[in-house]
Every structure is written in C-alpha cells, then in structure tokens.
C-alpha cells in the first residue's frame, strides 16, 4: 500500500481516535520515541556492527522497528500540529542550500 506522509499522518490519527482511544501525552510519546529508537539501534548494532544477536533479539525485525519509530513520530507530529510533508520539504530545501558543496568537498568521503 503506497501512501504519502500526509496520508500516513491521517491514518495514524484515525487509528488513534478509534482503536487507540486517544493519544498519549506528548511527553509520554517522546519517551516512547526514545524507547523505539533504542530498539532500532539495538537491531542495527547487531545486524551491521560487531555485537551478536541474543536469542530474544531474533524475533525483532529491522523494518518493524523502523515502522515503530515512524509511528510515534507521526503521532507527535499530529499532536503538535506539524505537517511532516511540508516540514520535510523545507528541511530538504535547507540542506540542499546549506550543503550544496559541503559533502562533495569533504576529503573523508572520497
């Protein structure tokens, strides 16, 4: 199922308001975002780094952990009135202007 960021925000909002009953507070969701980011980091460290998987880690998938992070970020955007489509567009514009030559001139990347 293809969807835009705006559609994802709308679907999360609909789910929260029907199945989820209500949003957790912004502060609670920030804590959940940090927790989910840690779980994503654990998978990446084990999959791409030197650390080995524990038996309890094997059930977790990279895509699912990324989706968990995205879900909570979408919740926070909805709660705080952030249009992530517009925010991402502006952020890409800022990076494109600011970093036009920065990375191509970075000797470490050559």
N, C-alpha and C. Protein backbone atom coordinates (compact mmCIF):
# COMPACT_ATOMS: atom_id res chain seq x y z
N UNK A 1 0.84 -1.16 0.00
CA UNK A 1 0.00 0.00 0.00
C UNK A 1 0.89 1.24 0.00
N UNK A 2 0.85 2.00 -1.07
CA UNK A 2 1.59 3.25 -1.16
C UNK A 2 0.77 4.35 -0.49
N UNK A 3 1.45 5.21 0.25
CA UNK A 3 0.77 6.35 0.85
C UNK A 3 1.74 7.51 0.99
N UNK A 4 1.20 8.68 1.00
CA UNK A 4 2.00 9.87 1.23
C UNK A 4 2.22 10.03 2.74
N UNK A 5 3.10 10.93 3.10
CA UNK A 5 3.30 11.22 4.52
C UNK A 5 2.01 11.79 5.11
N UNK A 6 1.36 12.66 4.37
CA UNK A 6 0.10 13.25 4.83
C UNK A 6 -0.94 12.15 5.08
N UNK A 7 -1.05 11.19 4.16
CA UNK A 7 -1.98 10.09 4.35
C UNK A 7 -1.60 9.24 5.57
N UNK A 8 -0.31 9.06 5.78
CA UNK A 8 0.14 8.29 6.95
C UNK A 8 -0.26 9.02 8.23
N UNK A 9 -0.07 10.33 8.25
CA UNK A 9 -0.49 11.10 9.43
C UNK A 9 -1.99 10.96 9.66
N UNK A 10 -2.76 11.01 8.59
CA UNK A 10 -4.22 10.88 8.72
C UNK A 10 -4.62 9.49 9.19
N UNK A 11 -3.96 8.45 8.67
CA UNK A 11 -4.30 7.09 9.08
C UNK A 11 -3.95 6.83 10.53
N UNK A 12 -2.82 7.34 10.97
CA UNK A 12 -2.44 7.19 12.38
C UNK A 12 -3.46 7.91 13.25
N UNK A 13 -3.85 9.12 12.86
CA UNK A 13 -4.83 9.88 13.63
C UNK A 13 -6.16 9.12 13.72
N UNK A 14 -6.59 8.58 12.61
CA UNK A 14 -7.85 7.81 12.60
C UNK A 14 -7.74 6.59 13.52
N UNK A 15 -6.62 5.88 13.44
CA UNK A 15 -6.42 4.69 14.29
C UNK A 15 -6.43 5.08 15.76
N UNK A 16 -5.69 6.14 16.09
CA UNK A 16 -5.61 6.58 17.49
C UNK A 16 -7.00 6.92 18.01
N UNK A 17 -7.78 7.63 17.22
CA UNK A 17 -9.08 8.11 17.67
C UNK A 17 -10.18 7.05 17.63
N UNK A 18 -9.93 5.91 17.03
CA UNK A 18 -10.93 4.84 17.01
C UNK A 18 -10.47 3.65 17.84
N UNK A 19 -9.37 3.07 17.49
CA UNK A 19 -8.87 1.87 18.17
C UNK A 19 -8.03 2.22 19.39
N UNK A 20 -7.21 3.25 19.28
CA UNK A 20 -6.31 3.62 20.36
C UNK A 20 -6.94 4.45 21.45
N UNK A 21 -8.18 4.85 21.30
CA UNK A 21 -8.97 5.65 22.23
C UNK A 21 -8.54 7.12 22.23
N UNK A 22 -7.26 7.40 22.52
CA UNK A 22 -6.74 8.78 22.49
C UNK A 22 -5.23 8.73 22.41
N UNK A 23 -4.65 9.87 22.10
CA UNK A 23 -3.19 9.98 22.08
C UNK A 23 -2.65 9.94 23.51
N UNK A 24 -1.49 9.32 23.67
CA UNK A 24 -0.75 9.51 24.92
C UNK A 24 -0.28 10.96 24.93
N UNK A 25 0.12 11.46 26.07
CA UNK A 25 0.62 12.84 26.12
C UNK A 25 1.88 12.97 25.26
N UNK A 26 2.17 14.19 24.88
CA UNK A 26 3.37 14.45 24.07
C UNK A 26 4.62 13.98 24.79
N UNK A 27 4.68 14.21 26.08
CA UNK A 27 5.85 13.78 26.85
C UNK A 27 5.96 12.26 26.90
N UNK A 28 4.86 11.58 27.08
CA UNK A 28 4.87 10.11 27.05
C UNK A 28 5.32 9.62 25.68
N UNK A 29 4.78 10.23 24.62
CA UNK A 29 5.18 9.82 23.27
C UNK A 29 6.64 10.11 22.99
N UNK A 30 7.18 11.17 23.56
CA UNK A 30 8.62 11.42 23.41
C UNK A 30 9.41 10.28 24.04
N UNK A 31 9.00 9.86 25.23
CA UNK A 31 9.67 8.73 25.88
C UNK A 31 9.56 7.46 25.06
N UNK A 32 8.38 7.23 24.49
CA UNK A 32 8.18 6.04 23.64
C UNK A 32 9.05 6.13 22.40
N UNK A 33 9.18 7.33 21.82
CA UNK A 33 10.05 7.51 20.66
C UNK A 33 11.49 7.15 20.99
N UNK A 34 11.96 7.58 22.15
CA UNK A 34 13.33 7.25 22.57
C UNK A 34 13.48 5.73 22.76
N UNK A 35 12.47 5.12 23.35
CA UNK A 35 12.49 3.66 23.55
C UNK A 35 12.54 2.93 22.21
N UNK A 36 11.68 3.34 21.29
CA UNK A 36 11.64 2.69 19.98
C UNK A 36 12.94 2.93 19.20
N UNK A 37 13.51 4.13 19.32
CA UNK A 37 14.78 4.43 18.67
C UNK A 37 15.88 3.53 19.22
N UNK A 38 15.86 3.29 20.52
CA UNK A 38 16.82 2.38 21.14
C UNK A 38 16.68 0.97 20.62
N UNK A 39 15.44 0.52 20.42
CA UNK A 39 15.22 -0.82 19.88
C UNK A 39 15.72 -0.92 18.45
N UNK A 40 15.52 0.14 17.67
CA UNK A 40 16.05 0.18 16.31
C UNK A 40 17.58 0.14 16.33
N UNK A 41 18.17 0.91 17.23
CA UNK A 41 19.63 0.93 17.35
C UNK A 41 20.16 -0.46 17.71
N UNK A 42 19.49 -1.15 18.61
CA UNK A 42 19.92 -2.49 19.02
C UNK A 42 19.97 -3.44 17.82
N UNK A 43 18.95 -3.39 16.98
CA UNK A 43 18.91 -4.26 15.80
C UNK A 43 20.04 -3.90 14.83
N UNK A 44 20.25 -2.62 14.57
CA UNK A 44 21.30 -2.20 13.64
C UNK A 44 22.68 -2.57 14.16
N UNK A 45 22.91 -2.38 15.45
CA UNK A 45 24.20 -2.72 16.06
C UNK A 45 24.48 -4.22 15.90
N UNK A 46 23.46 -5.02 16.07
CA UNK A 46 23.66 -6.46 15.97
C UNK A 46 23.74 -6.93 14.51
N UNK A 47 22.98 -6.30 13.64
CA UNK A 47 22.96 -6.73 12.24
C UNK A 47 24.17 -6.22 11.46
N UNK A 48 24.59 -5.00 11.73
CA UNK A 48 25.67 -4.39 10.95
C UNK A 48 26.94 -4.14 11.75
N UNK A 49 26.85 -4.21 13.05
CA UNK A 49 28.01 -3.98 13.90
C UNK A 49 28.62 -5.29 14.37
N UNK A 50 29.45 -5.18 15.37
CA UNK A 50 30.19 -6.34 15.86
C UNK A 50 29.43 -7.15 16.92
N UNK A 51 28.39 -6.57 17.48
CA UNK A 51 27.67 -7.26 18.54
C UNK A 51 26.81 -8.38 17.97
N UNK A 52 26.77 -9.51 18.68
CA UNK A 52 25.98 -10.64 18.21
C UNK A 52 24.55 -10.55 18.74
N UNK A 53 23.65 -11.22 18.03
CA UNK A 53 22.25 -11.26 18.44
C UNK A 53 22.08 -12.12 19.66
N UNK A 54 21.22 -11.68 20.57
CA UNK A 54 20.77 -12.51 21.67
C UNK A 54 19.54 -13.25 21.15
N UNK A 55 19.21 -14.35 21.77
CA UNK A 55 18.05 -15.11 21.34
C UNK A 55 16.79 -14.23 21.34
N UNK A 56 16.66 -13.37 22.35
CA UNK A 56 15.47 -12.51 22.46
C UNK A 56 15.41 -11.44 21.37
N UNK A 57 16.55 -11.14 20.72
CA UNK A 57 16.57 -10.13 19.66
C UNK A 57 16.14 -10.69 18.32
N UNK A 58 16.21 -12.00 18.16
CA UNK A 58 15.99 -12.60 16.85
C UNK A 58 14.57 -12.44 16.33
N UNK A 59 13.62 -12.19 17.23
CA UNK A 59 12.23 -12.02 16.80
C UNK A 59 11.98 -10.63 16.21
N UNK A 60 12.81 -9.68 16.56
CA UNK A 60 12.62 -8.30 16.12
C UNK A 60 13.18 -8.10 14.72
N UNK A 61 12.46 -7.39 13.89
CA UNK A 61 12.92 -7.11 12.54
C UNK A 61 13.23 -5.64 12.35
N UNK A 62 14.20 -5.38 11.52
CA UNK A 62 14.62 -4.01 11.25
C UNK A 62 13.47 -3.16 10.73
N UNK A 63 12.73 -3.67 9.75
CA UNK A 63 11.62 -2.90 9.17
C UNK A 63 10.55 -2.59 10.21
N UNK A 64 10.25 -3.55 11.07
CA UNK A 64 9.22 -3.34 12.09
C UNK A 64 9.66 -2.29 13.10
N UNK A 65 10.94 -2.32 13.47
CA UNK A 65 11.45 -1.31 14.41
C UNK A 65 11.44 0.08 13.78
N UNK A 66 11.78 0.18 12.50
CA UNK A 66 11.72 1.47 11.81
C UNK A 66 10.28 1.97 11.76
N UNK A 67 9.35 1.07 11.50
CA UNK A 67 7.94 1.45 11.46
C UNK A 67 7.46 1.92 12.83
N UNK A 68 7.93 1.30 13.90
CA UNK A 68 7.57 1.74 15.25
C UNK A 68 8.04 3.18 15.49
N UNK A 69 9.27 3.49 15.08
CA UNK A 69 9.80 4.85 15.23
C UNK A 69 8.94 5.83 14.42
N UNK A 70 8.64 5.47 13.19
CA UNK A 70 7.84 6.33 12.32
C UNK A 70 6.44 6.55 12.91
N UNK A 71 5.84 5.51 13.43
CA UNK A 71 4.50 5.60 14.02
C UNK A 71 4.47 6.67 15.13
N UNK A 72 5.41 6.59 16.04
CA UNK A 72 5.41 7.52 17.17
C UNK A 72 5.74 8.94 16.68
N UNK A 73 6.62 9.06 15.70
CA UNK A 73 6.91 10.37 15.14
C UNK A 73 5.67 10.97 14.49
N UNK A 74 4.90 10.15 13.79
CA UNK A 74 3.65 10.61 13.19
C UNK A 74 2.67 11.05 14.28
N UNK A 75 2.61 10.32 15.37
CA UNK A 75 1.76 10.70 16.49
C UNK A 75 2.16 12.07 17.02
N UNK A 76 3.44 12.25 17.26
CA UNK A 76 3.93 13.54 17.79
C UNK A 76 3.65 14.69 16.81
N UNK A 77 3.81 14.42 15.53
CA UNK A 77 3.51 15.46 14.53
C UNK A 77 2.03 15.83 14.59
N UNK A 78 1.17 14.83 14.66
CA UNK A 78 -0.26 15.11 14.74
C UNK A 78 -0.60 15.91 15.99
N UNK A 79 -0.02 15.52 17.10
CA UNK A 79 -0.33 16.18 18.37
C UNK A 79 0.14 17.62 18.42
N UNK A 80 1.22 17.91 17.74
CA UNK A 80 1.81 19.25 17.82
C UNK A 80 1.50 20.11 16.60
N UNK A 81 0.66 19.59 15.70
CA UNK A 81 0.24 20.37 14.54
C UNK A 81 1.29 20.52 13.46
N UNK A 82 2.23 19.58 13.39
CA UNK A 82 3.28 19.65 12.38
C UNK A 82 2.84 18.87 11.14
N UNK A 83 2.88 19.53 10.00
CA UNK A 83 2.65 18.89 8.71
C UNK A 83 4.01 18.36 8.27
N UNK A 84 4.21 17.07 8.42
CA UNK A 84 5.53 16.48 8.12
C UNK A 84 5.89 16.58 6.63
N UNK A 85 4.91 16.59 5.76
CA UNK A 85 5.20 16.76 4.33
C UNK A 85 5.87 18.10 4.09
N UNK A 86 5.27 19.14 4.64
CA UNK A 86 5.83 20.49 4.48
C UNK A 86 7.14 20.63 5.24
N UNK A 87 7.21 20.06 6.42
CA UNK A 87 8.45 20.14 7.21
C UNK A 87 9.60 19.46 6.47
N UNK A 88 9.34 18.31 5.88
CA UNK A 88 10.39 17.60 5.14
C UNK A 88 10.79 18.38 3.88
N UNK A 89 9.82 18.96 3.20
CA UNK A 89 10.13 19.76 2.02
C UNK A 89 11.05 20.93 2.39
N UNK A 90 10.70 21.64 3.46
CA UNK A 90 11.53 22.77 3.90
C UNK A 90 12.91 22.30 4.36
N UNK A 91 12.97 21.16 5.03
CA UNK A 91 14.23 20.64 5.52
C UNK A 91 15.14 20.24 4.36
N UNK A 92 14.57 19.62 3.33
CA UNK A 92 15.36 19.25 2.14
C UNK A 92 15.89 20.49 1.45
N UNK A 93 15.06 21.51 1.36
CA UNK A 93 15.48 22.78 0.75
C UNK A 93 16.64 23.39 1.54
N UNK A 94 16.52 23.40 2.85
CA UNK A 94 17.58 23.95 3.72
C UNK A 94 18.89 23.17 3.52
N UNK A 95 18.80 21.85 3.55
CA UNK A 95 20.00 21.03 3.39
C UNK A 95 20.63 21.21 2.01
N UNK A 96 19.79 21.31 0.99
CA UNK A 96 20.30 21.47 -0.37
C UNK A 96 21.06 22.79 -0.51
N UNK A 97 20.51 23.83 0.07
CA UNK A 97 21.18 25.14 0.01
C UNK A 97 22.44 25.14 0.87
N UNK A 98 22.31 24.72 2.08
CA UNK A 98 23.42 24.76 3.05
C UNK A 98 24.56 23.84 2.65
N UNK A 99 24.23 22.67 2.14
CA UNK A 99 25.24 21.64 1.90
C UNK A 99 25.56 21.43 0.43
N UNK A 100 25.28 22.43 -0.40
CA UNK A 100 25.46 22.28 -1.84
C UNK A 100 26.85 21.73 -2.20
N UNK A 101 27.90 22.21 -1.54
CA UNK A 101 29.25 21.77 -1.84
C UNK A 101 29.92 21.06 -0.66
N UNK A 102 29.29 21.10 0.46
CA UNK A 102 29.90 20.60 1.70
C UNK A 102 30.38 19.15 1.58
N UNK A 103 29.51 18.27 1.14
CA UNK A 103 29.87 16.85 1.11
C UNK A 103 30.79 16.50 -0.07
N UNK A 104 30.58 17.16 -1.19
CA UNK A 104 31.45 16.88 -2.34
C UNK A 104 32.87 17.39 -2.09
N UNK A 105 33.03 18.34 -1.17
CA UNK A 105 34.36 18.85 -0.83
C UNK A 105 34.97 18.16 0.39
N UNK A 106 34.29 17.20 0.93
CA UNK A 106 34.76 16.50 2.13
C UNK A 106 35.71 15.37 1.71
N UNK A 107 36.97 15.55 2.02
CA UNK A 107 38.00 14.56 1.66
C UNK A 107 37.72 13.19 2.29
N UNK A 108 37.07 13.17 3.43
CA UNK A 108 36.76 11.91 4.11
C UNK A 108 35.77 11.06 3.32
N UNK A 109 35.03 11.68 2.42
CA UNK A 109 34.02 10.94 1.66
C UNK A 109 34.51 10.51 0.29
N UNK A 110 35.74 10.85 -0.03
CA UNK A 110 36.27 10.49 -1.36
C UNK A 110 37.04 9.21 -1.32
